Amino acid sequence: MERDTLLLSRLTALGSDSVLHDQDTVTSVQLPLDPQLGQATYYFESQYGRDTLVLSYKLGARLISENCGVEILYSQIDYISQTFDSLSVVNQVPIEDITEDIQVYN
């Protein structure tokens, strides 16, 4: 299945002074989850205007080893609010091997 592209003018996250994407044509984006809050807000600016996505998730931790430290685990990802045409949570537990956890349509 061919993915649609989006001209993303800017992608930012609430509470961060970093720009996640800037003037980029994308078919997908990776959204960093905050390991301390259990919630994250993102602002997408594109040719369609400005959209907002607020995610919630459960946090957990697992000790890998004394040398490696603790791994943060995320689960029960869902959205609290969004302003896109539609949104679907495909996978509630993000796994690096899976390339798509949330589908957004504008």
PDB file of N, CA and C in Angstrom:
ATOM      1  N   MET A   1       0.838  -1.178   0.000  1.00  0.00           N
ATOM      2  CA  MET A   1       0.000   0.000   0.000  1.00  0.00           C
ATOM      3  C   MET A   1       0.885   1.244   0.000  1.00  0.00           C
ATOM      4  N   GLU A   2       0.616   2.143  -0.909  1.00  0.00           N
ATOM      5  CA  GLU A   2       1.394   3.368  -0.992  1.00  0.00           C
ATOM      6  C   GLU A   2       0.896   4.367   0.047  1.00  0.00           C
ATOM      7  N   ARG A   3       1.828   4.998   0.713  1.00  0.00           N
ATOM      8  CA  ARG A   3       1.473   5.977   1.740  1.00  0.00           C
ATOM      9  C   ARG A   3       1.362   7.356   1.130  1.00  0.00           C
ATOM     10  N   ASP A   4       0.444   8.139   1.667  1.00  0.00           N
ATOM     11  CA  ASP A   4       0.317   9.531   1.252  1.00  0.00           C
ATOM     12  C   ASP A   4       1.447  10.342   1.864  1.00  0.00           C
ATOM     13  N   THR A   5       1.836  11.396   1.180  1.00  0.00           N
ATOM     14  CA  THR A   5       2.865  12.281   1.716  1.00  0.00           C
ATOM     15  C   THR A   5       2.211  13.549   2.250  1.00  0.00           C
ATOM     16  N   LEU A   6       2.912  14.195   3.148  1.00  0.00           N
ATOM     17  CA  LEU A   6       2.441  15.425   3.774  1.00  0.00           C
ATOM     18  C   LEU A   6       3.599  16.395   3.827  1.00  0.00           C
ATOM     19  N   LEU A   7       3.355  17.617   3.391  1.00  0.00           N
ATOM     20  CA  LEU A   7       4.366  18.660   3.527  1.00  0.00           C
ATOM     21  C   LEU A   7       4.226  19.213   4.933  1.00  0.00           C
ATOM     22  N   LEU A   8       5.122  18.796   5.806  1.00  0.00           N
ATOM     23  CA  LEU A   8       5.093  19.177   7.205  1.00  0.00           C
ATOM     24  C   LEU A   8       5.969  20.404   7.389  1.00  0.00           C
ATOM     25  N   SER A   9       5.340  21.543   7.648  1.00  0.00           N
ATOM     26  CA  SER A   9       6.092  22.786   7.843  1.00  0.00           C
ATOM     27  C   SER A   9       6.865  22.758   9.149  1.00  0.00           C
ATOM     28  N   ARG A  10       6.213  22.187  10.179  1.00  0.00           N
ATOM     29  CA  ARG A  10       6.855  22.153  11.496  1.00  0.00           C
ATOM     30  C   ARG A  10       6.120  21.153  12.377  1.00  0.00           C
ATOM     31  N   LEU A  11       6.886  20.406  13.169  1.00  0.00           N
ATOM     32  CA  LEU A  11       6.337  19.488  14.168  1.00  0.00           C
ATOM     33  C   LEU A  11       7.061  19.750  15.473  1.00  0.00           C
ATOM     34  N   THR A  12       6.296  20.121  16.507  1.00  0.00           N
ATOM     35  CA  THR A  12       6.878  20.419  17.806  1.00  0.00           C
ATOM     36  C   THR A  12       6.108  19.664  18.890  1.00  0.00           C
ATOM     37  N   ALA A  13       6.715  19.574  20.061  1.00  0.00           N
ATOM     38  CA  ALA A  13       6.083  18.929  21.210  1.00  0.00           C
ATOM     39  C   ALA A  13       5.996  19.930  22.355  1.00  0.00           C
ATOM     40  N   LEU A  14       4.884  19.902  23.067  1.00  0.00           N
ATOM     41  CA  LEU A  14       4.693  20.770  24.220  1.00  0.00           C
ATOM     42  C   LEU A  14       5.759  20.470  25.265  1.00  0.00           C
ATOM     43  N   GLY A  15       6.357  21.518  25.810  1.00  0.00           N
ATOM     44  CA  GLY A  15       7.369  21.355  26.846  1.00  0.00           C
ATOM     45  C   GLY A  15       8.773  21.153  26.315  1.00  0.00           C
ATOM     46  N   SER A  16       8.925  21.184  24.999  1.00  0.00           N
ATOM     47  CA  SER A  16      10.242  21.023  24.395  1.00  0.00           C
ATOM     48  C   SER A  16      10.531  22.234  23.517  1.00  0.00           C
ATOM     49  N   ASP A  17      11.765  22.688  23.537  1.00  0.00           N
ATOM     50  CA  ASP A  17      12.129  23.795  22.658  1.00  0.00           C
ATOM     51  C   ASP A  17      12.707  23.282  21.346  1.00  0.00           C
ATOM     52  N   SER A  18      12.687  21.968  21.146  1.00  0.00           N
ATOM     53  CA  SER A  18      13.208  21.360  19.921  1.00  0.00           C
ATOM     54  C   SER A  18      12.125  21.275  18.856  1.00  0.00           C
ATOM     55  N   VAL A  19      12.523  21.427  17.614  1.00  0.00           N
ATOM     56  CA  VAL A  19      11.646  21.195  16.474  1.00  0.00           C
ATOM     57  C   VAL A  19      11.902  19.764  16.020  1.00  0.00           C
ATOM     58  N   LEU A  20      10.857  18.934  16.009  1.00  0.00           N
ATOM     59  CA  LEU A  20      11.021  17.526  15.648  1.00  0.00           C
ATOM     60  C   LEU A  20      11.168  17.338  14.137  1.00  0.00           C
ATOM     61  N   HIS A  21      10.446  18.148  13.374  1.00  0.00           N
ATOM     62  CA  HIS A  21      10.569  18.166  11.911  1.00  0.00           C
ATOM     63  C   HIS A  21      10.371  19.602  11.469  1.00  0.00           C
ATOM     64  N   ASP A  22      11.096  19.990  10.425  1.00  0.00           N
ATOM     65  CA  ASP A  22      11.000  21.349   9.921  1.00  0.00           C
ATOM     66  C   ASP A  22      11.100  21.317   8.406  1.00  0.00           C
ATOM     67  N   GLN A  23      10.076  21.821   7.717  1.00  0.00           N
ATOM     68  CA  GLN A  23      10.047  21.881   6.252  1.00  0.00           C
ATOM     69  C   GLN A  23      10.483  20.555   5.631  1.00  0.00           C
ATOM     70  N   ASP A  24       9.629  19.557   5.780  1.00  0.00           N
ATOM     71  CA  ASP A  24       9.968  18.217   5.327  1.00  0.00           C
ATOM     72  C   ASP A  24       8.722  17.576   4.722  1.00  0.00           C
ATOM     73  N   THR A  25       8.896  16.848   3.635  1.00  0.00           N
ATOM     74  CA  THR A  25       7.815  16.047   3.080  1.00  0.00           C
ATOM     75  C   THR A  25       7.954  14.655   3.675  1.00  0.00           C
ATOM     76  N   VAL A  26       6.909  14.196   4.363  1.00  0.00           N
ATOM     77  CA  VAL A  26       6.998  12.955   5.125  1.00  0.00           C
ATOM     78  C   VAL A  26       5.865  12.003   4.768  1.00  0.00           C
ATOM     79  N   THR A  27       6.113  10.728   4.988  1.00  0.00           N
ATOM     80  CA  THR A  27       5.062   9.714   4.946  1.00  0.00           C
ATOM     81  C   THR A  27       4.797   9.173   6.347  1.00  0.00           C
ATOM     82  N   SER A  28       5.757   9.395   7.241  1.00  0.00           N
ATOM     83  CA  SER A  28       5.586   9.010   8.641  1.00  0.00           C
ATOM     84  C   SER A  28       6.545   9.830   9.498  1.00  0.00           C
ATOM     85  N   VAL A  29       6.257   9.909  10.787  1.00  0.00           N
ATOM     86  CA  VAL A  29       7.129  10.595  11.729  1.00  0.00           C
ATOM     87  C   VAL A  29       7.207   9.772  13.012  1.00  0.00           C
ATOM     88  N   GLN A  30       8.321   9.908  13.707  1.00  0.00           N
ATOM     89  CA  GLN A  30       8.475   9.281  15.008  1.00  0.00           C
ATOM     90  C   GLN A  30       8.246  10.341  16.072  1.00  0.00           C
ATOM     91  N   LEU A  31       7.377  10.034  17.005  1.00  0.00           N
ATOM     92  CA  LEU A  31       7.044  10.968  18.072  1.00  0.00           C
ATOM     93  C   LEU A  31       7.660  10.481  19.383  1.00  0.00           C
ATOM     94  N   PRO A  32       8.518  11.285  19.996  1.00  0.00           N
ATOM     95  CA  PRO A  32       9.123  10.864  21.260  1.00  0.00           C
ATOM     96  C   PRO A  32       8.092  10.933  22.390  1.00  0.00           C
ATOM     97  N   LEU A  33       8.091   9.925  23.236  1.00  0.00           N
ATOM     98  CA  LEU A  33       7.214   9.902  24.400  1.00  0.00           C
ATOM     99  C   LEU A  33       7.999  10.367  25.616  1.00  0.00           C
ATOM    100  N   ASP A  34       7.364  11.123  26.483  1.00  0.00           N
ATOM    101  CA  ASP A  34       8.016  11.641  27.676  1.00  0.00           C
ATOM    102  C   ASP A  34       8.028  10.551  28.748  1.00  0.00           C
ATOM    103  N   PRO A  35       9.207  10.110  29.191  1.00  0.00           N
ATOM    104  CA  PRO A  35       9.282   9.008  30.155  1.00  0.00           C
ATOM    105  C   PRO A  35       8.932   9.415  31.587  1.00  0.00           C
ATOM    106  N   GLN A  36       8.535  10.658  31.794  1.00  0.00           N
ATOM    107  CA  GLN A  36       8.203  11.104  33.147  1.00  0.00           C
ATOM    108  C   GLN A  36       6.728  11.472  33.317  1.00  0.00           C
ATOM    109  N   LEU A  37       6.035  11.805  32.231  1.00  0.00           N
ATOM    110  CA  LEU A  37       4.691  12.358  32.365  1.00  0.00           C
ATOM    111  C   LEU A  37       3.543  11.381  32.112  1.00  0.00           C
ATOM    112  N   GLY A  38       3.695  10.458  31.179  1.00  0.00           N
ATOM    113  CA  GLY A  38       2.570   9.612  30.800  1.00  0.00           C
ATOM    114  C   GLY A  38       1.610  10.304  29.857  1.00  0.00           C
ATOM    115  N   GLN A  39       2.027  11.441  29.326  1.00  0.00           N
ATOM    116  CA  GLN A  39       1.220  12.198  28.377  1.00  0.00           C
ATOM    117  C   GLN A  39       2.140  13.051  27.520  1.00  0.00           C
ATOM    118  N   ALA A  40       1.768  13.262  26.261  1.00  0.00           N
ATOM    119  CA  ALA A  40       2.563  14.096  25.365  1.00  0.00           C
ATOM    120  C   ALA A  40       1.631  14.816  24.393  1.00  0.00           C
ATOM    121  N   THR A  41       1.975  16.079  24.090  1.00  0.00           N
ATOM    122  CA  THR A  41       1.192  16.893  23.168  1.00  0.00           C
ATOM    123  C   THR A  41       2.083  17.313  22.004  1.00  0.00           C
ATOM    124  N   TYR A  42       1.570  17.149  20.786  1.00  0.00           N
ATOM    125  CA  TYR A  42       2.321  17.468  19.572  1.00  0.00           C
ATOM    126  C   TYR A  42       1.530  18.449  18.721  1.00  0.00           C
ATOM    127  N   TYR A  43       2.258  19.344  18.056  1.00  0.00           N
ATOM    128  CA  TYR A  43       1.657  20.332  17.161  1.00  0.00           C
ATOM    129  C   TYR A  43       2.210  20.113  15.754  1.00  0.00           C
ATOM    130  N   PHE A  44       1.316  19.831  14.817  1.00  0.00           N
ATOM    131  CA  PHE A  44       1.672  19.595  13.420  1.00  0.00           C
ATOM    132  C   PHE A  44       1.230  20.809  12.612  1.00  0.00           C
ATOM    133  N   GLU A  45       2.148  21.432  11.898  1.00  0.00           N
ATOM    134  CA  GLU A  45       1.807  22.528  10.997  1.00  0.00           C
ATOM    135  C   GLU A  45       2.091  22.059   9.581  1.00  0.00           C
ATOM    136  N   SER A  46       1.061  22.095   8.733  1.00  0.00           N
ATOM    137  CA  SER A  46       1.197  21.599   7.364  1.00  0.00           C
ATOM    138  C   SER A  46       0.392  22.481   6.424  1.00  0.00           C
ATOM    139  N   GLN A  47       0.303  22.071   5.170  1.00  0.00           N
ATOM    140  CA  GLN A  47      -0.480  22.827   4.200  1.00  0.00           C
ATOM    141  C   GLN A  47      -1.960  22.832   4.562  1.00  0.00           C
ATOM    142  N   TYR A  48      -2.389  21.983   5.507  1.00  0.00           N
ATOM    143  CA  TYR A  48      -3.782  21.917   5.935  1.00  0.00           C
ATOM    144  C   TYR A  48      -4.053  22.765   7.180  1.00  0.00           C
ATOM    145  N   GLY A  49      -3.037  23.428   7.710  1.00  0.00           N
ATOM    146  CA  GLY A  49      -3.197  24.238   8.908  1.00  0.00           C
ATOM    147  C   GLY A  49      -2.465  23.607  10.086  1.00  0.00           C
ATOM    148  N   ARG A  50      -2.940  23.924  11.289  1.00  0.00           N
ATOM    149  CA  ARG A  50      -2.299  23.410  12.497  1.00  0.00           C
ATOM    150  C   ARG A  50      -3.197  22.363  13.144  1.00  0.00           C
ATOM    151  N   ASP A  51      -2.631  21.209  13.429  1.00  0.00           N
ATOM    152  CA  ASP A  51      -3.347  20.139  14.116  1.00  0.00           C
ATOM    153  C   ASP A  51      -2.623  19.799  15.407  1.00  0.00           C
ATOM    154  N   THR A  52      -3.396  19.330  16.371  1.00  0.00           N
ATOM    155  CA  THR A  52      -2.861  18.971  17.675  1.00  0.00           C
ATOM    156  C   THR A  52      -3.205  17.525  17.982  1.00  0.00           C
ATOM    157  N   LEU A  53      -2.268  16.834  18.595  1.00  0.00           N
ATOM    158  CA  LEU A  53      -2.465  15.449  19.024  1.00  0.00           C
ATOM    159  C   LEU A  53      -1.988  15.338  20.466  1.00  0.00           C
ATOM    160  N   VAL A  54      -2.862  14.868  21.360  1.00  0.00           N
ATOM    161  CA  VAL A  54      -2.503  14.648  22.755  1.00  0.00           C
ATOM    162  C   VAL A  54      -2.603  13.151  23.021  1.00  0.00           C
ATOM    163  N   LEU A  55      -1.473  12.543  23.366  1.00  0.00           N
ATOM    164  CA  LEU A  55      -1.416  11.108  23.651  1.00  0.00           C
ATOM    165  C   LEU A  55      -1.312  10.868  25.146  1.00  0.00           C
ATOM    166  N   SER A  56      -1.871   9.753  25.588  1.00  0.00           N
ATOM    167  CA  SER A  56      -1.666   9.288  26.962  1.00  0.00           C
ATOM    168  C   SER A  56      -1.106   7.876  26.882  1.00  0.00           C
ATOM    169  N   TYR A  57      -0.376   7.478  27.928  1.00  0.00           N
ATOM    170  CA  TYR A  57       0.211   6.144  27.956  1.00  0.00           C
ATOM    171  C   TYR A  57       0.616   5.810  29.381  1.00  0.00           C
ATOM    172  N   LYS A  58       0.714   4.520  29.638  1.00  0.00           N
ATOM    173  CA  LYS A  58       1.167   4.027  30.939  1.00  0.00           C
ATOM    174  C   LYS A  58       2.677   3.847  30.879  1.00  0.00           C
ATOM    175  N   LEU A  59       3.324   4.119  32.004  1.00  0.00           N
ATOM    176  CA  LEU A  59       4.776   3.971  32.107  1.00  0.00           C
ATOM    177  C   LEU A  59       5.111   2.803  33.019  1.00  0.00           C
ATOM    178  N   GLY A  60       6.167   2.095  32.667  1.00  0.00           N
ATOM    179  CA  GLY A  60       6.684   1.021  33.500  1.00  0.00           C
ATOM    180  C   GLY A  60       8.198   1.007  33.383  1.00  0.00           C
ATOM    181  N   ALA A  61       8.835   0.208  34.200  1.00  0.00           N
ATOM    182  CA  ALA A  61      10.295   0.116  34.157  1.00  0.00           C
ATOM    183  C   ALA A  61      10.705  -1.326  34.381  1.00  0.00           C
ATOM    184  N   ARG A  62      11.823  -1.683  33.774  1.00  0.00           N
ATOM    185  CA  ARG A  62      12.368  -3.028  33.920  1.00  0.00           C
ATOM    186  C   ARG A  62      13.882  -2.906  34.041  1.00  0.00           C
ATOM    187  N   LEU A  63      14.432  -3.523  35.066  1.00  0.00           N
ATOM    188  CA  LEU A  63      15.881  -3.518  35.245  1.00  0.00           C
ATOM    189  C   LEU A  63      16.506  -4.514  34.278  1.00  0.00           C
ATOM    190  N   ILE A  64      17.349  -4.016  33.386  1.00  0.00           N
ATOM    191  CA  ILE A  64      18.036  -4.880  32.426  1.00  0.00           C
ATOM    192  C   ILE A  64      19.199  -5.580  33.137  1.00  0.00           C
ATOM    193  N   SER A  65      20.078  -4.789  33.727  1.00  0.00           N
ATOM    194  CA  SER A  65      21.199  -5.293  34.525  1.00  0.00           C
ATOM    195  C   SER A  65      21.810  -4.102  35.255  1.00  0.00           C
ATOM    196  N   GLU A  66      22.684  -4.367  36.174  1.00  0.00           N
ATOM    197  CA  GLU A  66      23.339  -3.266  36.880  1.00  0.00           C
ATOM    198  C   GLU A  66      24.151  -2.403  35.919  1.00  0.00           C
ATOM    199  N   ASN A  67      24.766  -3.023  34.925  1.00  0.00           N
ATOM    200  CA  ASN A  67      25.581  -2.278  33.955  1.00  0.00           C
ATOM    201  C   ASN A  67      24.727  -1.482  32.960  1.00  0.00           C
ATOM    202  N   CYS A  68      23.602  -2.059  32.541  1.00  0.00           N
ATOM    203  CA  CYS A  68      22.765  -1.410  31.522  1.00  0.00           C
ATOM    204  C   CYS A  68      21.741  -0.461  32.120  1.00  0.00           C
ATOM    205  N   GLY A  69      21.309  -0.685  33.329  1.00  0.00           N
ATOM    206  CA  GLY A  69      20.331   0.194  33.957  1.00  0.00           C
ATOM    207  C   GLY A  69      18.903  -0.233  33.689  1.00  0.00           C
ATOM    208  N   VAL A  70      18.002   0.742  33.751  1.00  0.00           N
ATOM    209  CA  VAL A  70      16.565   0.500  33.665  1.00  0.00           C
ATOM    210  C   VAL A  70      16.058   0.844  32.262  1.00  0.00           C
ATOM    211  N   GLU A  71      15.166   0.019  31.760  1.00  0.00           N
ATOM    212  CA  GLU A  71      14.495   0.270  30.483  1.00  0.00           C
ATOM    213  C   GLU A  71      13.102   0.815  30.782  1.00  0.00           C
ATOM    214  N   ILE A  72      12.720   1.890  30.128  1.00  0.00           N
ATOM    215  CA  ILE A  72      11.380   2.460  30.278  1.00  0.00           C
ATOM    216  C   ILE A  72      10.451   1.719  29.320  1.00  0.00           C
ATOM    217  N   LEU A  73       9.316   1.269  29.828  1.00  0.00           N
ATOM    218  CA  LEU A  73       8.327   0.551  29.026  1.00  0.00           C
ATOM    219  C   LEU A  73       7.071   1.405  28.893  1.00  0.00           C
ATOM    220  N   TYR A  74       6.534   1.465  27.687  1.00  0.00           N
ATOM    221  CA  TYR A  74       5.319   2.212  27.415  1.00  0.00           C
ATOM    222  C   TYR A  74       4.218   1.233  27.028  1.00  0.00           C
ATOM    223  N   SER A  75       3.010   1.488  27.493  1.00  0.00           N
ATOM    224  CA  SER A  75       1.882   0.631  27.129  1.00  0.00           C
ATOM    225  C   SER A  75       0.594   1.449  27.163  1.00  0.00           C
ATOM    226  N   GLN A  76      -0.472   0.855  26.693  1.00  0.00           N
ATOM    227  CA  GLN A  76      -1.810   1.454  26.674  1.00  0.00           C
ATOM    228  C   GLN A  76      -1.812   2.841  26.042  1.00  0.00           C
ATOM    229  N   ILE A  77      -1.087   2.971  24.929  1.00  0.00           N
ATOM    230  CA  ILE A  77      -1.090   4.252  24.209  1.00  0.00           C
ATOM    231  C   ILE A  77      -2.485   4.508  23.651  1.00  0.00           C
ATOM    232  N   ASP A  78      -2.962   5.700  23.874  1.00  0.00           N
ATOM    233  CA  ASP A  78      -4.253   6.123  23.337  1.00  0.00           C
ATOM    234  C   ASP A  78      -4.208   7.638  23.167  1.00  0.00           C
ATOM    235  N   TYR A  79      -5.204   8.190  22.529  1.00  0.00           N
ATOM    236  CA  TYR A  79      -5.223   9.640  22.393  1.00  0.00           C
ATOM    237  C   TYR A  79      -6.302  10.231  23.290  1.00  0.00           C
ATOM    238  N   ILE A  80      -5.985  11.377  23.855  1.00  0.00           N
ATOM    239  CA  ILE A  80      -6.932  12.114  24.684  1.00  0.00           C
ATOM    240  C   ILE A  80      -7.746  13.049  23.798  1.00  0.00           C
ATOM    241  N   SER A  81      -7.045  13.722  22.889  1.00  0.00           N
ATOM    242  CA  SER A  81      -7.714  14.607  21.938  1.00  0.00           C
ATOM    243  C   SER A  81      -6.863  14.724  20.686  1.00  0.00           C
ATOM    244  N   GLN A  82      -7.523  15.127  19.600  1.00  0.00           N
ATOM    245  CA  GLN A  82      -6.838  15.323  18.327  1.00  0.00           C
ATOM    246  C   GLN A  82      -7.715  16.169  17.439  1.00  0.00           C
ATOM    247  N   THR A  83      -7.097  16.871  16.488  1.00  0.00           N
ATOM    248  CA  THR A  83      -7.844  17.742  15.585  1.00  0.00           C
ATOM    249  C   THR A  83      -7.730  17.311  14.123  1.00  0.00           C
ATOM    250  N   PHE A  84      -7.236  16.116  13.872  1.00  0.00           N
ATOM    251  CA  PHE A  84      -7.150  15.587  12.513  1.00  0.00           C
ATOM    252  C   PHE A  84      -8.534  15.128  12.056  1.00  0.00           C
ATOM    253  N   ASP A  85      -8.663  14.819  10.759  1.00  0.00           N
ATOM    254  CA  ASP A  85      -9.929  14.278  10.265  1.00  0.00           C
ATOM    255  C   ASP A  85     -10.265  12.975  10.977  1.00  0.00           C
ATOM    256  N   SER A  86      -9.274  12.108  11.108  1.00  0.00           N
ATOM    257  CA  SER A  86      -9.472  10.857  11.839  1.00  0.00           C
ATOM    258  C   SER A  86      -8.126  10.329  12.307  1.00  0.00           C
ATOM    259  N   LEU A  87      -8.206   9.457  13.297  1.00  0.00           N
ATOM    260  CA  LEU A  87      -6.999   8.900  13.898  1.00  0.00           C
ATOM    261  C   LEU A  87      -7.319   7.494  14.372  1.00  0.00           C
ATOM    262  N   SER A  88      -6.369   6.590  14.213  1.00  0.00           N
ATOM    263  CA  SER A  88      -6.550   5.212  14.653  1.00  0.00           C
ATOM    264  C   SER A  88      -5.294   4.746  15.377  1.00  0.00           C
ATOM    265  N   VAL A  89      -5.463   4.217  16.587  1.00  0.00           N
ATOM    266  CA  VAL A  89      -4.345   3.618  17.316  1.00  0.00           C
ATOM    267  C   VAL A  89      -4.246   2.172  16.852  1.00  0.00           C
ATOM    268  N   VAL A  90      -3.165   1.853  16.154  1.00  0.00           N
ATOM    269  CA  VAL A  90      -2.965   0.532  15.577  1.00  0.00           C
ATOM    270  C   VAL A  90      -2.317  -0.408  16.574  1.00  0.00           C
ATOM    271  N   ASN A  91      -1.392   0.126  17.382  1.00  0.00           N
ATOM    272  CA  ASN A  91      -0.632  -0.681  18.323  1.00  0.00           C
ATOM    273  C   ASN A  91      -0.508   0.097  19.630  1.00  0.00           C
ATOM    274  N   GLN A  92      -1.022  -0.437  20.725  1.00  0.00           N
ATOM    275  CA  GLN A  92      -0.980   0.283  22.004  1.00  0.00           C
ATOM    276  C   GLN A  92       0.332   0.114  22.752  1.00  0.00           C
ATOM    277  N   VAL A  93       1.198  -0.759  22.273  1.00  0.00           N
ATOM    278  CA  VAL A  93       2.511  -0.967  22.890  1.00  0.00           C
ATOM    279  C   VAL A  93       3.562  -0.744  21.803  1.00  0.00           C
ATOM    280  N   PRO A  94       4.304   0.375  21.874  1.00  0.00           N
ATOM    281  CA  PRO A  94       5.288   0.635  20.812  1.00  0.00           C
ATOM    282  C   PRO A  94       6.431  -0.376  20.854  1.00  0.00           C
ATOM    283  N   ILE A  95       6.712  -0.936  19.698  1.00  0.00           N
ATOM    284  CA  ILE A  95       7.803  -1.894  19.536  1.00  0.00           C
ATOM    285  C   ILE A  95       8.633  -1.422  18.354  1.00  0.00           C
ATOM    286  N   GLU A  96       9.944  -1.394  18.510  1.00  0.00           N
ATOM    287  CA  GLU A  96      10.803  -0.847  17.449  1.00  0.00           C
ATOM    288  C   GLU A  96      10.631  -1.564  16.120  1.00  0.00           C
ATOM    289  N   ASP A  97      10.358  -2.864  16.136  1.00  0.00           N
ATOM    290  CA  ASP A  97      10.212  -3.617  14.893  1.00  0.00           C
ATOM    291  C   ASP A  97       8.928  -3.266  14.140  1.00  0.00           C
ATOM    292  N   ILE A  98       7.954  -2.717  14.846  1.00  0.00           N
ATOM    293  CA  ILE A  98       6.698  -2.325  14.213  1.00  0.00           C
ATOM    294  C   ILE A  98       6.838  -0.867  13.809  1.00  0.00           C
ATOM    295  N   THR A  99       6.535  -0.575  12.561  1.00  0.00           N
ATOM    296  CA  THR A  99       6.789   0.761  12.044  1.00  0.00           C
ATOM    297  C   THR A  99       5.595   1.701  12.183  1.00  0.00           C
ATOM    298  N   GLU A 100       4.474   1.183  12.672  1.00  0.00           N
ATOM    299  CA  GLU A 100       3.284   2.037  12.703  1.00  0.00           C
ATOM    300  C   GLU A 100       2.466   1.739  13.961  1.00  0.00           C
ATOM    301  N   ASP A 101       2.369   2.729  14.823  1.00  0.00           N
ATOM    302  CA  ASP A 101       1.574   2.580  16.038  1.00  0.00           C
ATOM    303  C   ASP A 101       0.283   3.387  15.972  1.00  0.00           C
ATOM    304  N   ILE A 102       0.330   4.509  15.278  1.00  0.00           N
ATOM    305  CA  ILE A 102      -0.835   5.392  15.150  1.00  0.00           C
ATOM    306  C   ILE A 102      -0.943   5.835  13.696  1.00  0.00           C
ATOM    307  N   GLN A 103      -2.156   5.793  13.160  1.00  0.00           N
ATOM    308  CA  GLN A 103      -2.413   6.292  11.811  1.00  0.00           C
ATOM    309  C   GLN A 103      -3.219   7.576  11.923  1.00  0.00           C
ATOM    310  N   VAL A 104      -2.790   8.598  11.205  1.00  0.00           N
ATOM    311  CA  VAL A 104      -3.459   9.896  11.230  1.00  0.00           C
ATOM    312  C   VAL A 104      -3.850  10.246   9.806  1.00  0.00           C
ATOM    313  N   TYR A 105      -5.076  10.757   9.656  1.00  0.00           N
ATOM    314  CA  TYR A 105      -5.572  11.172   8.344  1.00  0.00           C
ATOM    315  C   TYR A 105      -6.011  12.618   8.427  1.00  0.00           C
ATOM    316  N   ASN A 106      -5.640  13.379   7.405  1.00  0.00           N
ATOM    317  CA  ASN A 106      -5.988  14.787   7.392  1.00  0.00           C
ATOM    318  C   ASN A 106      -6.751  15.129   6.144  1.00  0.00           C
TER     319      ASN A 106
END
